Amino acid sequence: MPNFFIGMEGPDAPSLDQRKQPRIAFSGKGSVIFGPRPIEITISNISLSGLLFHTKERFDLGKLLTLRIIGEEEGKPFEEKTAGRVMAVHRGDSSHSYGLQFLALLTAEKQPCLFAKIQRVLQNKS
């Protein structure tokens, strides 16, 4: 039985990679706001439209999640929230990886630190 699942918009989708925004490496922590207790996550990459996170908890494809993301930008710690839908799942033995597509693109108004970090890294790459 396969342990990797991708959510696609239709059976005729031409590519497994459905990303619409460039992603950057992001070494951050956070949590899924889930009932009475948050579920700790580790984030490994992010874009304006989604991120890849890892946790021991199991989530189903299509699940809506609200995340609290903790990071650092320009030497200053930050904490910001965003919401999204699980679009890809990789089941591991002790940890699972999830591709989350945000419900709306990150913006300078709603997630100023994440937005600034992504823009700064992308500008430095070009």
PDB file of N, CA and C in Angstrom:
ATOM      1  N   MET A   1       0.841  -1.183   0.000  1.00  0.00           N
ATOM      2  CA  MET A   1       0.000   0.000   0.000  1.00  0.00           C
ATOM      3  C   MET A   1       0.884   1.244   0.000  1.00  0.00           C
ATOM      4  N   PRO A   2       0.646   2.215  -0.896  1.00  0.00           N
ATOM      5  CA  PRO A   2       1.489   3.398  -0.955  1.00  0.00           C
ATOM      6  C   PRO A   2       1.311   4.267   0.288  1.00  0.00           C
ATOM      7  N   ASN A   3       2.382   4.982   0.640  1.00  0.00           N
ATOM      8  CA  ASN A   3       2.287   5.845   1.802  1.00  0.00           C
ATOM      9  C   ASN A   3       2.405   7.316   1.422  1.00  0.00           C
ATOM     10  N   PHE A   4       2.236   7.639   0.137  1.00  0.00           N
ATOM     11  CA  PHE A   4       2.298   9.015  -0.325  1.00  0.00           C
ATOM     12  C   PHE A   4       1.038   9.312  -1.115  1.00  0.00           C
ATOM     13  N   PHE A   5       0.352  10.371  -0.751  1.00  0.00           N
ATOM     14  CA  PHE A   5      -0.899  10.737  -1.397  1.00  0.00           C
ATOM     15  C   PHE A   5      -0.821  12.190  -1.826  1.00  0.00           C
ATOM     16  N   ILE A   6      -1.321  12.486  -3.011  1.00  0.00           N
ATOM     17  CA  ILE A   6      -1.351  13.858  -3.510  1.00  0.00           C
ATOM     18  C   ILE A   6      -2.796  14.200  -3.822  1.00  0.00           C
ATOM     19  N   GLY A   7      -3.232  15.357  -3.388  1.00  0.00           N
ATOM     20  CA  GLY A   7      -4.549  15.859  -3.759  1.00  0.00           C
ATOM     21  C   GLY A   7      -4.408  16.651  -5.039  1.00  0.00           C
ATOM     22  N   MET A   8      -5.214  16.341  -6.022  1.00  0.00           N
ATOM     23  CA  MET A   8      -5.120  17.045  -7.292  1.00  0.00           C
ATOM     24  C   MET A   8      -6.488  17.604  -7.639  1.00  0.00           C
ATOM     25  N   GLU A   9      -6.515  18.629  -8.459  1.00  0.00           N
ATOM     26  CA  GLU A   9      -7.762  19.281  -8.796  1.00  0.00           C
ATOM     27  C   GLU A   9      -8.633  18.454  -9.734  1.00  0.00           C
ATOM     28  N   GLY A  10      -8.062  17.528 -10.428  1.00  0.00           N
ATOM     29  CA  GLY A  10      -8.841  16.697 -11.330  1.00  0.00           C
ATOM     30  C   GLY A  10      -8.007  15.555 -11.854  1.00  0.00           C
ATOM     31  N   PRO A  11      -8.642  14.539 -12.434  1.00  0.00           N
ATOM     32  CA  PRO A  11      -7.891  13.378 -12.916  1.00  0.00           C
ATOM     33  C   PRO A  11      -6.985  13.703 -14.097  1.00  0.00           C
ATOM     34  N   ASP A  12      -7.229  14.826 -14.767  1.00  0.00           N
ATOM     35  CA  ASP A  12      -6.423  15.190 -15.929  1.00  0.00           C
ATOM     36  C   ASP A  12      -5.276  16.134 -15.585  1.00  0.00           C
ATOM     37  N   ALA A  13      -5.026  16.351 -14.295  1.00  0.00           N
ATOM     38  CA  ALA A  13      -3.949  17.262 -13.891  1.00  0.00           C
ATOM     39  C   ALA A  13      -2.630  16.769 -14.484  1.00  0.00           C
ATOM     40  N   PRO A  14      -1.870  17.642 -15.162  1.00  0.00           N
ATOM     41  CA  PRO A  14      -0.689  17.209 -15.898  1.00  0.00           C
ATOM     42  C   PRO A  14       0.534  16.914 -15.042  1.00  0.00           C
ATOM     43  N   SER A  15       0.582  17.415 -13.827  1.00  0.00           N
ATOM     44  CA  SER A  15       1.796  17.282 -13.030  1.00  0.00           C
ATOM     45  C   SER A  15       1.442  17.044 -11.576  1.00  0.00           C
ATOM     46  N   LEU A  16       2.300  16.282 -10.878  1.00  0.00           N
ATOM     47  CA  LEU A  16       2.096  16.101  -9.446  1.00  0.00           C
ATOM     48  C   LEU A  16       2.396  17.381  -8.682  1.00  0.00           C
ATOM     49  N   ASP A  17       3.287  18.207  -9.192  1.00  0.00           N
ATOM     50  CA  ASP A  17       3.651  19.447  -8.520  1.00  0.00           C
ATOM     51  C   ASP A  17       2.666  20.542  -8.912  1.00  0.00           C
ATOM     52  N   GLN A  18       1.801  20.915  -7.996  1.00  0.00           N
ATOM     53  CA  GLN A  18       0.767  21.907  -8.269  1.00  0.00           C
ATOM     54  C   GLN A  18       1.092  23.275  -7.666  1.00  0.00           C
ATOM     55  N   ARG A  19       2.324  23.490  -7.227  1.00  0.00           N
ATOM     56  CA  ARG A  19       2.688  24.751  -6.585  1.00  0.00           C
ATOM     57  C   ARG A  19       2.558  25.913  -7.560  1.00  0.00           C
ATOM     58  N   LYS A  20       2.064  27.032  -7.030  1.00  0.00           N
ATOM     59  CA  LYS A  20       1.902  28.229  -7.842  1.00  0.00           C
ATOM     60  C   LYS A  20       2.897  29.319  -7.458  1.00  0.00           C
ATOM     61  N   GLN A  21       3.589  29.152  -6.328  1.00  0.00           N
ATOM     62  CA  GLN A  21       4.541  30.140  -5.822  1.00  0.00           C
ATOM     63  C   GLN A  21       5.879  29.463  -5.541  1.00  0.00           C
ATOM     64  N   PRO A  22       6.996  30.164  -5.728  1.00  0.00           N
ATOM     65  CA  PRO A  22       8.292  29.565  -5.388  1.00  0.00           C
ATOM     66  C   PRO A  22       8.411  29.372  -3.881  1.00  0.00           C
ATOM     67  N   ARG A  23       9.029  28.282  -3.485  1.00  0.00           N
ATOM     68  CA  ARG A  23       9.177  28.001  -2.058  1.00  0.00           C
ATOM     69  C   ARG A  23      10.605  28.259  -1.623  1.00  0.00           C
ATOM     70  N   ILE A  24      10.753  28.467  -0.316  1.00  0.00           N
ATOM     71  CA  ILE A  24      12.078  28.681   0.266  1.00  0.00           C
ATOM     72  C   ILE A  24      12.256  27.714   1.429  1.00  0.00           C
ATOM     73  N   ALA A  25      13.509  27.411   1.733  1.00  0.00           N
ATOM     74  CA  ALA A  25      13.788  26.612   2.928  1.00  0.00           C
ATOM     75  C   ALA A  25      13.397  27.444   4.144  1.00  0.00           C
ATOM     76  N   PHE A  26      12.782  26.808   5.115  1.00  0.00           N
ATOM     77  CA  PHE A  26      12.334  27.505   6.323  1.00  0.00           C
ATOM     78  C   PHE A  26      12.503  26.548   7.481  1.00  0.00           C
ATOM     79  N   SER A  27      13.352  26.904   8.397  1.00  0.00           N
ATOM     80  CA  SER A  27      13.572  26.062   9.567  1.00  0.00           C
ATOM     81  C   SER A  27      12.817  26.690  10.723  1.00  0.00           C
ATOM     82  N   GLY A  28      11.595  26.225  10.935  1.00  0.00           N
ATOM     83  CA  GLY A  28      10.764  26.822  11.966  1.00  0.00           C
ATOM     84  C   GLY A  28       9.928  25.799  12.690  1.00  0.00           C
ATOM     85  N   LYS A  29       9.386  26.236  13.773  1.00  0.00           N
ATOM     86  CA  LYS A  29       8.485  25.411  14.576  1.00  0.00           C
ATOM     87  C   LYS A  29       7.108  26.041  14.518  1.00  0.00           C
ATOM     88  N   GLY A  30       6.167  25.331  15.036  1.00  0.00           N
ATOM     89  CA  GLY A  30       4.826  25.859  15.108  1.00  0.00           C
ATOM     90  C   GLY A  30       3.912  24.845  15.738  1.00  0.00           C
ATOM     91  N   SER A  31       2.628  25.100  15.584  1.00  0.00           N
ATOM     92  CA  SER A  31       1.651  24.157  16.106  1.00  0.00           C
ATOM     93  C   SER A  31       0.377  24.248  15.287  1.00  0.00           C
ATOM     94  N   VAL A  32      -0.331  23.133  15.267  1.00  0.00           N
ATOM     95  CA  VAL A  32      -1.661  23.087  14.687  1.00  0.00           C
ATOM     96  C   VAL A  32      -2.610  23.386  15.835  1.00  0.00           C
ATOM     97  N   ILE A  33      -3.458  24.375  15.641  1.00  0.00           N
ATOM     98  CA  ILE A  33      -4.445  24.711  16.663  1.00  0.00           C
ATOM     99  C   ILE A  33      -5.573  23.706  16.498  1.00  0.00           C
ATOM    100  N   PHE A  34      -5.650  22.789  17.464  1.00  0.00           N
ATOM    101  CA  PHE A  34      -6.512  21.616  17.303  1.00  0.00           C
ATOM    102  C   PHE A  34      -7.151  21.274  18.647  1.00  0.00           C
ATOM    103  N   GLY A  35      -8.390  21.693  18.853  1.00  0.00           N
ATOM    104  CA  GLY A  35      -9.079  21.379  20.100  1.00  0.00           C
ATOM    105  C   GLY A  35      -8.395  22.005  21.299  1.00  0.00           C
ATOM    106  N   PRO A  36      -8.413  21.305  22.428  1.00  0.00           N
ATOM    107  CA  PRO A  36      -7.875  21.888  23.661  1.00  0.00           C
ATOM    108  C   PRO A  36      -6.348  21.912  23.737  1.00  0.00           C
ATOM    109  N   ARG A  37      -5.679  21.139  22.879  1.00  0.00           N
ATOM    110  CA  ARG A  37      -4.213  21.111  22.953  1.00  0.00           C
ATOM    111  C   ARG A  37      -3.610  21.318  21.565  1.00  0.00           C
ATOM    112  N   PRO A  38      -2.588  22.177  21.478  1.00  0.00           N
ATOM    113  CA  PRO A  38      -1.924  22.354  20.185  1.00  0.00           C
ATOM    114  C   PRO A  38      -1.060  21.144  19.852  1.00  0.00           C
ATOM    115  N   ILE A  39      -0.903  20.877  18.576  1.00  0.00           N
ATOM    116  CA  ILE A  39      -0.071  19.774  18.096  1.00  0.00           C
ATOM    117  C   ILE A  39       1.197  20.385  17.511  1.00  0.00           C
ATOM    118  N   GLU A  40       2.343  20.033  18.082  1.00  0.00           N
ATOM    119  CA  GLU A  40       3.625  20.602  17.657  1.00  0.00           C
ATOM    120  C   GLU A  40       4.012  20.113  16.257  1.00  0.00           C
ATOM    121  N   ILE A  41       4.560  21.035  15.462  1.00  0.00           N
ATOM    122  CA  ILE A  41       5.009  20.717  14.108  1.00  0.00           C
ATOM    123  C   ILE A  41       6.388  21.331  13.856  1.00  0.00           C
ATOM    124  N   THR A  42       7.068  20.799  12.847  1.00  0.00           N
ATOM    125  CA  THR A  42       8.309  21.370  12.333  1.00  0.00           C
ATOM    126  C   THR A  42       8.059  21.715  10.869  1.00  0.00           C
ATOM    127  N   ILE A  43       8.472  22.898  10.469  1.00  0.00           N
ATOM    128  CA  ILE A  43       8.258  23.365   9.098  1.00  0.00           C
ATOM    129  C   ILE A  43       9.596  23.339   8.366  1.00  0.00           C
ATOM    130  N   SER A  44       9.603  22.790   7.135  1.00  0.00           N
ATOM    131  CA  SER A  44      10.871  22.709   6.404  1.00  0.00           C
ATOM    132  C   SER A  44      10.929  23.593   5.160  1.00  0.00           C
ATOM    133  N   ASN A  45       9.772  23.962   4.596  1.00  0.00           N
ATOM    134  CA  ASN A  45       9.788  24.946   3.520  1.00  0.00           C
ATOM    135  C   ASN A  45       8.451  25.660   3.466  1.00  0.00           C
ATOM    136  N   ILE A  46       8.467  26.843   2.838  1.00  0.00           N
ATOM    137  CA  ILE A  46       7.270  27.683   2.818  1.00  0.00           C
ATOM    138  C   ILE A  46       7.271  28.531   1.551  1.00  0.00           C
ATOM    139  N   SER A  47       6.085  28.905   1.114  1.00  0.00           N
ATOM    140  CA  SER A  47       5.914  29.859   0.018  1.00  0.00           C
ATOM    141  C   SER A  47       4.755  30.766   0.411  1.00  0.00           C
ATOM    142  N   LEU A  48       4.410  31.693  -0.460  1.00  0.00           N
ATOM    143  CA  LEU A  48       3.260  32.552  -0.172  1.00  0.00           C
ATOM    144  C   LEU A  48       1.950  31.774  -0.219  1.00  0.00           C
ATOM    145  N   SER A  49       1.970  30.578  -0.828  1.00  0.00           N
ATOM    146  CA  SER A  49       0.732  29.819  -0.987  1.00  0.00           C
ATOM    147  C   SER A  49       0.665  28.523  -0.188  1.00  0.00           C
ATOM    148  N   GLY A  50       1.738  28.153   0.521  1.00  0.00           N
ATOM    149  CA  GLY A  50       1.676  26.912   1.285  1.00  0.00           C
ATOM    150  C   GLY A  50       2.981  26.592   1.975  1.00  0.00           C
ATOM    151  N   LEU A  51       3.008  25.430   2.635  1.00  0.00           N
ATOM    152  CA  LEU A  51       4.215  25.003   3.339  1.00  0.00           C
ATOM    153  C   LEU A  51       4.249  23.491   3.468  1.00  0.00           C
ATOM    154  N   LEU A  52       5.415  22.994   3.870  1.00  0.00           N
ATOM    155  CA  LEU A  52       5.610  21.578   4.162  1.00  0.00           C
ATOM    156  C   LEU A  52       5.910  21.466   5.644  1.00  0.00           C
ATOM    157  N   PHE A  53       5.113  20.647   6.365  1.00  0.00           N
ATOM    158  CA  PHE A  53       5.375  20.461   7.788  1.00  0.00           C
ATOM    159  C   PHE A  53       5.395  18.990   8.150  1.00  0.00           C
ATOM    160  N   HIS A  54       5.977  18.710   9.320  1.00  0.00           N
ATOM    161  CA  HIS A  54       6.176  17.346   9.792  1.00  0.00           C
ATOM    162  C   HIS A  54       5.695  17.243  11.236  1.00  0.00           C
ATOM    163  N   THR A  55       5.064  16.108  11.564  1.00  0.00           N
ATOM    164  CA  THR A  55       4.577  15.871  12.918  1.00  0.00           C
ATOM    165  C   THR A  55       4.323  14.380  13.106  1.00  0.00           C
ATOM    166  N   LYS A  56       4.175  13.969  14.348  1.00  0.00           N
ATOM    167  CA  LYS A  56       3.847  12.573  14.647  1.00  0.00           C
ATOM    168  C   LYS A  56       2.350  12.304  14.485  1.00  0.00           C
ATOM    169  N   GLU A  57       1.543  13.361  14.529  1.00  0.00           N
ATOM    170  CA  GLU A  57       0.088  13.219  14.409  1.00  0.00           C
ATOM    171  C   GLU A  57      -0.307  12.878  12.973  1.00  0.00           C
ATOM    172  N   ARG A  58      -1.448  12.223  12.843  1.00  0.00           N
ATOM    173  CA  ARG A  58      -1.971  11.864  11.520  1.00  0.00           C
ATOM    174  C   ARG A  58      -3.110  12.806  11.147  1.00  0.00           C
ATOM    175  N   PHE A  59      -3.017  13.359   9.939  1.00  0.00           N
ATOM    176  CA  PHE A  59      -4.081  14.180   9.377  1.00  0.00           C
ATOM    177  C   PHE A  59      -4.454  13.593   8.025  1.00  0.00           C
ATOM    178  N   ASP A  60      -5.710  13.722   7.667  1.00  0.00           N
ATOM    179  CA  ASP A  60      -6.194  13.198   6.396  1.00  0.00           C
ATOM    180  C   ASP A  60      -6.046  14.227   5.285  1.00  0.00           C
ATOM    181  N   LEU A  61      -5.925  13.728   4.077  1.00  0.00           N
ATOM    182  CA  LEU A  61      -5.920  14.555   2.885  1.00  0.00           C
ATOM    183  C   LEU A  61      -7.203  15.379   2.871  1.00  0.00           C
ATOM    184  N   GLY A  62      -7.091  16.668   2.606  1.00  0.00           N
ATOM    185  CA  GLY A  62      -8.254  17.543   2.553  1.00  0.00           C
ATOM    186  C   GLY A  62      -8.610  18.214   3.867  1.00  0.00           C
ATOM    187  N   LYS A  63      -7.958  17.825   4.953  1.00  0.00           N
ATOM    188  CA  LYS A  63      -8.256  18.382   6.276  1.00  0.00           C
ATOM    189  C   LYS A  63      -7.910  19.872   6.322  1.00  0.00           C
ATOM    190  N   LEU A  64      -8.820  20.679   6.884  1.00  0.00           N
ATOM    191  CA  LEU A  64      -8.565  22.102   7.098  1.00  0.00           C
ATOM    192  C   LEU A  64      -7.867  22.280   8.435  1.00  0.00           C
ATOM    193  N   LEU A  65      -6.770  23.040   8.452  1.00  0.00           N
ATOM    194  CA  LEU A  65      -5.986  23.247   9.667  1.00  0.00           C
ATOM    195  C   LEU A  65      -5.662  24.725   9.843  1.00  0.00           C
ATOM    196  N   THR A  66      -5.585  25.154  11.095  1.00  0.00           N
ATOM    197  CA  THR A  66      -5.084  26.483  11.434  1.00  0.00           C
ATOM    198  C   THR A  66      -3.735  26.302  12.103  1.00  0.00           C
ATOM    199  N   LEU A  67      -2.724  27.025  11.612  1.00  0.00           N
ATOM    200  CA  LEU A  67      -1.363  26.892  12.127  1.00  0.00           C
ATOM    201  C   LEU A  67      -0.900  28.167  12.814  1.00  0.00           C
ATOM    202  N   ARG A  68      -0.128  27.976  13.866  1.00  0.00           N
ATOM    203  CA  ARG A  68       0.612  29.053  14.522  1.00  0.00           C
ATOM    204  C   ARG A  68       2.069  28.804  14.148  1.00  0.00           C
ATOM    205  N   ILE A  69       2.688  29.747  13.461  1.00  0.00           N
ATOM    206  CA  ILE A  69       4.056  29.582  12.968  1.00  0.00           C
ATOM    207  C   ILE A  69       4.993  30.483  13.767  1.00  0.00           C
ATOM    208  N   ILE A  70       6.081  29.881  14.256  1.00  0.00           N
ATOM    209  CA  ILE A  70       7.076  30.609  15.041  1.00  0.00           C
ATOM    210  C   ILE A  70       8.368  30.649  14.238  1.00  0.00           C
ATOM    211  N   GLY A  71       8.955  31.819  14.127  1.00  0.00           N
ATOM    212  CA  GLY A  71      10.196  31.945  13.383  1.00  0.00           C
ATOM    213  C   GLY A  71      10.971  33.174  13.802  1.00  0.00           C
ATOM    214  N   GLU A  72      11.925  33.539  12.961  1.00  0.00           N
ATOM    215  CA  GLU A  72      12.758  34.715  13.211  1.00  0.00           C
ATOM    216  C   GLU A  72      12.991  35.421  11.885  1.00  0.00           C
ATOM    217  N   GLU A  73      12.845  36.734  11.895  1.00  0.00           N
ATOM    218  CA  GLU A  73      13.091  37.536  10.704  1.00  0.00           C
ATOM    219  C   GLU A  73      13.928  38.740  11.100  1.00  0.00           C
ATOM    220  N   GLU A  74      15.085  38.885  10.428  1.00  0.00           N
ATOM    221  CA  GLU A  74      15.994  39.995  10.716  1.00  0.00           C
ATOM    222  C   GLU A  74      16.376  40.030  12.197  1.00  0.00           C
ATOM    223  N   GLY A  75      16.578  38.840  12.788  1.00  0.00           N
ATOM    224  CA  GLY A  75      17.012  38.735  14.175  1.00  0.00           C
ATOM    225  C   GLY A  75      15.924  38.910  15.216  1.00  0.00           C
ATOM    226  N   LYS A  76      14.684  39.067  14.777  1.00  0.00           N
ATOM    227  CA  LYS A  76      13.576  39.277  15.715  1.00  0.00           C
ATOM    228  C   LYS A  76      12.608  38.102  15.641  1.00  0.00           C
ATOM    229  N   PRO A  77      12.247  37.536  16.803  1.00  0.00           N
ATOM    230  CA  PRO A  77      11.290  36.426  16.803  1.00  0.00           C
ATOM    231  C   PRO A  77       9.887  36.910  16.430  1.00  0.00           C
ATOM    232  N   PHE A  78       9.119  36.010  15.815  1.00  0.00           N
ATOM    233  CA  PHE A  78       7.728  36.331  15.490  1.00  0.00           C
ATOM    234  C   PHE A  78       6.855  35.099  15.653  1.00  0.00           C
ATOM    235  N   GLU A  79       5.555  35.351  15.714  1.00  0.00           N
ATOM    236  CA  GLU A  79       4.539  34.298  15.764  1.00  0.00           C
ATOM    237  C   GLU A  79       3.356  34.788  14.942  1.00  0.00           C
ATOM    238  N   GLU A  80       2.983  34.017  13.915  1.00  0.00           N
ATOM    239  CA  GLU A  80       1.872  34.404  13.052  1.00  0.00           C
ATOM    240  C   GLU A  80       0.979  33.198  12.778  1.00  0.00           C
ATOM    241  N   LYS A  81      -0.280  33.478  12.446  1.00  0.00           N
ATOM    242  CA  LYS A  81      -1.249  32.410  12.174  1.00  0.00           C
ATOM    243  C   LYS A  81      -1.668  32.435  10.712  1.00  0.00           C
ATOM    244  N   THR A  82      -2.001  31.241  10.223  1.00  0.00           N
ATOM    245  CA  THR A  82      -2.568  31.097   8.893  1.00  0.00           C
ATOM    246  C   THR A  82      -3.367  29.793   8.860  1.00  0.00           C
ATOM    247  N   ALA A  83      -4.187  29.634   7.853  1.00  0.00           N
ATOM    248  CA  ALA A  83      -5.004  28.421   7.727  1.00  0.00           C
ATOM    249  C   ALA A  83      -4.828  27.841   6.338  1.00  0.00           C
ATOM    250  N   GLY A  84      -5.036  26.520   6.238  1.00  0.00           N
ATOM    251  CA  GLY A  84      -4.898  25.874   4.945  1.00  0.00           C
ATOM    252  C   GLY A  84      -5.488  24.485   4.920  1.00  0.00           C
ATOM    253  N   ARG A  85      -5.366  23.856   3.760  1.00  0.00           N
ATOM    254  CA  ARG A  85      -5.900  22.517   3.526  1.00  0.00           C
ATOM    255  C   ARG A  85      -4.752  21.565   3.198  1.00  0.00           C
ATOM    256  N   VAL A  86      -4.788  20.369   3.784  1.00  0.00           N
ATOM    257  CA  VAL A  86      -3.779  19.346   3.512  1.00  0.00           C
ATOM    258  C   VAL A  86      -3.971  18.850   2.078  1.00  0.00           C
ATOM    259  N   MET A  87      -2.923  19.050   1.243  1.00  0.00           N
ATOM    260  CA  MET A  87      -2.990  18.678  -0.166  1.00  0.00           C
ATOM    261  C   MET A  87      -2.100  17.491  -0.516  1.00  0.00           C
ATOM    262  N   ALA A  88      -1.146  17.169   0.364  1.00  0.00           N
ATOM    263  CA  ALA A  88      -0.250  16.031   0.140  1.00  0.00           C
ATOM    264  C   ALA A  88       0.104  15.427   1.488  1.00  0.00           C
ATOM    265  N   VAL A  89       0.198  14.101   1.515  1.00  0.00           N
ATOM    266  CA  VAL A  89       0.493  13.375   2.753  1.00  0.00           C
ATOM    267  C   VAL A  89       1.567  12.335   2.461  1.00  0.00           C
ATOM    268  N   HIS A  90       2.584  12.283   3.313  1.00  0.00           N
ATOM    269  CA  HIS A  90       3.572  11.208   3.263  1.00  0.00           C
ATOM    270  C   HIS A  90       3.617  10.577   4.640  1.00  0.00           C
ATOM    271  N   ARG A  91       3.227   9.316   4.729  1.00  0.00           N
ATOM    272  CA  ARG A  91       3.208   8.592   6.003  1.00  0.00           C
ATOM    273  C   ARG A  91       4.567   7.949   6.233  1.00  0.00           C
ATOM    274  N   GLY A  92       5.182   8.259   7.361  1.00  0.00           N
ATOM    275  CA  GLY A  92       6.440   7.643   7.745  1.00  0.00           C
ATOM    276  C   GLY A  92       6.220   6.703   8.914  1.00  0.00           C
ATOM    277  N   ASP A  93       7.280   6.043   9.352  1.00  0.00           N
ATOM    278  CA  ASP A  93       7.164   5.127  10.485  1.00  0.00           C
ATOM    279  C   ASP A  93       6.935   5.871  11.793  1.00  0.00           C
ATOM    280  N   SER A  94       7.682   6.960  12.015  1.00  0.00           N
ATOM    281  CA  SER A  94       7.557   7.674  13.285  1.00  0.00           C
ATOM    282  C   SER A  94       7.089   9.111  13.119  1.00  0.00           C
ATOM    283  N   SER A  95       7.084   9.626  11.891  1.00  0.00           N
ATOM    284  CA  SER A  95       6.658  10.994  11.637  1.00  0.00           C
ATOM    285  C   SER A  95       6.010  11.053  10.256  1.00  0.00           C
ATOM    286  N   HIS A  96       5.154  12.021  10.072  1.00  0.00           N
ATOM    287  CA  HIS A  96       4.435  12.178   8.810  1.00  0.00           C
ATOM    288  C   HIS A  96       4.698  13.577   8.257  1.00  0.00           C
ATOM    289  N   SER A  97       4.685  13.711   6.933  1.00  0.00           N
ATOM    290  CA  SER A  97       4.911  14.995   6.269  1.00  0.00           C
ATOM    291  C   SER A  97       3.650  15.396   5.528  1.00  0.00           C
ATOM    292  N   TYR A  98       3.358  16.697   5.568  1.00  0.00           N
ATOM    293  CA  TYR A  98       2.129  17.204   4.971  1.00  0.00           C
ATOM    294  C   TYR A  98       2.405  18.448   4.144  1.00  0.00           C
ATOM    295  N   GLY A  99       1.856  18.477   2.942  1.00  0.00           N
ATOM    296  CA  GLY A  99       1.859  19.679   2.124  1.00  0.00           C
ATOM    297  C   GLY A  99       0.563  20.413   2.391  1.00  0.00           C
ATOM    298  N   LEU A 100       0.664  21.649   2.854  1.00  0.00           N
ATOM    299  CA  LEU A 100      -0.512  22.446   3.196  1.00  0.00           C
ATOM    300  C   LEU A 100      -0.620  23.615   2.231  1.00  0.00           C
ATOM    301  N   GLN A 101      -1.775  23.763   1.587  1.00  0.00           N
ATOM    302  CA  GLN A 101      -2.024  24.921   0.732  1.00  0.00           C
ATOM    303  C   GLN A 101      -2.843  25.914   1.541  1.00  0.00           C
ATOM    304  N   PHE A 102      -2.343  27.152   1.659  1.00  0.00           N
ATOM    305  CA  PHE A 102      -3.058  28.169   2.418  1.00  0.00           C
ATOM    306  C   PHE A 102      -4.394  28.482   1.748  1.00  0.00           C
ATOM    307  N   LEU A 103      -5.371  28.868   2.552  1.00  0.00           N
ATOM    308  CA  LEU A 103      -6.677  29.249   2.019  1.00  0.00           C
ATOM    309  C   LEU A 103      -6.587  30.565   1.253  1.00  0.00           C
ATOM    310  N   ALA A 104      -5.623  31.409   1.624  1.00  0.00           N
ATOM    311  CA  ALA A 104      -5.346  32.664   0.918  1.00  0.00           C
ATOM    312  C   ALA A 104      -3.839  32.883   0.943  1.00  0.00           C
ATOM    313  N   LEU A 105      -3.314  33.558  -0.070  1.00  0.00           N
ATOM    314  CA  LEU A 105      -1.884  33.860  -0.091  1.00  0.00           C
ATOM    315  C   LEU A 105      -1.497  34.658   1.147  1.00  0.00           C
ATOM    316  N   LEU A 106      -0.270  34.429   1.631  1.00  0.00           N
ATOM    317  CA  LEU A 106       0.243  35.254   2.723  1.00  0.00           C
ATOM    318  C   LEU A 106       0.342  36.691   2.223  1.00  0.00           C
ATOM    319  N   THR A 107       0.057  37.648   3.106  1.00  0.00           N
ATOM    320  CA  THR A 107       0.132  39.061   2.727  1.00  0.00           C
ATOM    321  C   THR A 107       0.929  39.844   3.761  1.00  0.00           C
ATOM    322  N   ALA A 108       1.432  41.001   3.344  1.00  0.00           N
ATOM    323  CA  ALA A 108       2.178  41.877   4.252  1.00  0.00           C
ATOM    324  C   ALA A 108       1.272  42.395   5.363  1.00  0.00           C
ATOM    325  N   GLU A 109      -0.015  42.480   5.116  1.00  0.00           N
ATOM    326  CA  GLU A 109      -0.949  42.980   6.128  1.00  0.00           C
ATOM    327  C   GLU A 109      -1.273  41.926   7.184  1.00  0.00           C
ATOM    328  N   LYS A 110      -1.490  40.679   6.764  1.00  0.00           N
ATOM    329  CA  LYS A 110      -1.934  39.640   7.703  1.00  0.00           C
ATOM    330  C   LYS A 110      -0.795  38.837   8.317  1.00  0.00           C
ATOM    331  N   GLN A 111       0.266  38.570   7.574  1.00  0.00           N
ATOM    332  CA  GLN A 111       1.425  37.808   8.066  1.00  0.00           C
ATOM    333  C   GLN A 111       2.691  38.581   7.680  1.00  0.00           C
ATOM    334  N   PRO A 112       2.914  39.745   8.287  1.00  0.00           N
ATOM    335  CA  PRO A 112       4.005  40.618   7.834  1.00  0.00           C
ATOM    336  C   PRO A 112       5.400  40.001   7.921  1.00  0.00           C
ATOM    337  N   CYS A 113       5.679  39.236   8.956  1.00  0.00           N
ATOM    338  CA  CYS A 113       7.028  38.671   9.115  1.00  0.00           C
ATOM    339  C   CYS A 113       7.280  37.535   8.129  1.00  0.00           C
ATOM    340  N   LEU A 114       6.309  36.630   7.982  1.00  0.00           N
ATOM    341  CA  LEU A 114       6.458  35.541   7.011  1.00  0.00           C
ATOM    342  C   LEU A 114       6.579  36.099   5.594  1.00  0.00           C
ATOM    343  N   PHE A 115       5.719  37.054   5.279  1.00  0.00           N
ATOM    344  CA  PHE A 115       5.738  37.668   3.956  1.00  0.00           C
ATOM    345  C   PHE A 115       7.103  38.307   3.686  1.00  0.00           C
ATOM    346  N   ALA A 116       7.613  39.085   4.652  1.00  0.00           N
ATOM    347  CA  ALA A 116       8.902  39.763   4.489  1.00  0.00           C
ATOM    348  C   ALA A 116      10.040  38.757   4.333  1.00  0.00           C
ATOM    349  N   LYS A 117      10.010  37.687   5.127  1.00  0.00           N
ATOM    350  CA  LYS A 117      11.069  36.670   5.066  1.00  0.00           C
ATOM    351  C   LYS A 117      11.105  36.013   3.685  1.00  0.00           C
ATOM    352  N   ILE A 118       9.951  35.623   3.180  1.00  0.00           N
ATOM    353  CA  ILE A 118       9.878  34.972   1.867  1.00  0.00           C
ATOM    354  C   ILE A 118      10.352  35.925   0.772  1.00  0.00           C
ATOM    355  N   GLN A 119       9.865  37.160   0.800  1.00  0.00           N
ATOM    356  CA  GLN A 119      10.259  38.138  -0.223  1.00  0.00           C
ATOM    357  C   GLN A 119      11.759  38.413  -0.182  1.00  0.00           C
ATOM    358  N   ARG A 120      12.327  38.542   1.025  1.00  0.00           N
ATOM    359  CA  ARG A 120      13.757  38.826   1.168  1.00  0.00           C
ATOM    360  C   ARG A 120      14.597  37.688   0.589  1.00  0.00           C
ATOM    361  N   VAL A 121      14.243  36.448   0.923  1.00  0.00           N
ATOM    362  CA  VAL A 121      15.007  35.297   0.429  1.00  0.00           C
ATOM    363  C   VAL A 121      14.884  35.183  -1.091  1.00  0.00           C
ATOM    364  N   LEU A 122      13.688  35.373  -1.620  1.00  0.00           N
ATOM    365  CA  LEU A 122      13.502  35.281  -3.073  1.00  0.00           C
ATOM    366  C   LEU A 122      14.273  36.381  -3.805  1.00  0.00           C
ATOM    367  N   GLN A 123      14.314  37.584  -3.245  1.00  0.00           N
ATOM    368  CA  GLN A 123      15.069  38.678  -3.869  1.00  0.00           C
ATOM    369  C   GLN A 123      16.565  38.389  -3.850  1.00  0.00           C
ATOM    370  N   ASN A 124      17.041  37.772  -2.774  1.00  0.00           N
ATOM    371  CA  ASN A 124      18.465  37.441  -2.675  1.00  0.00           C
ATOM    372  C   ASN A 124      18.867  36.337  -3.651  1.00  0.00           C
ATOM    373  N   LYS A 125      17.908  35.498  -4.056  1.00  0.00           N
ATOM    374  CA  LYS A 125      18.193  34.419  -5.013  1.00  0.00           C
ATOM    375  C   LYS A 125      18.343  34.949  -6.433  1.00  0.00           C
ATOM    376  N   SER A 126      17.696  36.082  -6.718  1.00  0.00           N
ATOM    377  CA  SER A 126      17.723  36.585  -8.104  1.00  0.00           C
ATOM    378  C   SER A 126      18.854  37.538  -8.360  1.00  0.00           C
TER     379      SER A 126
END
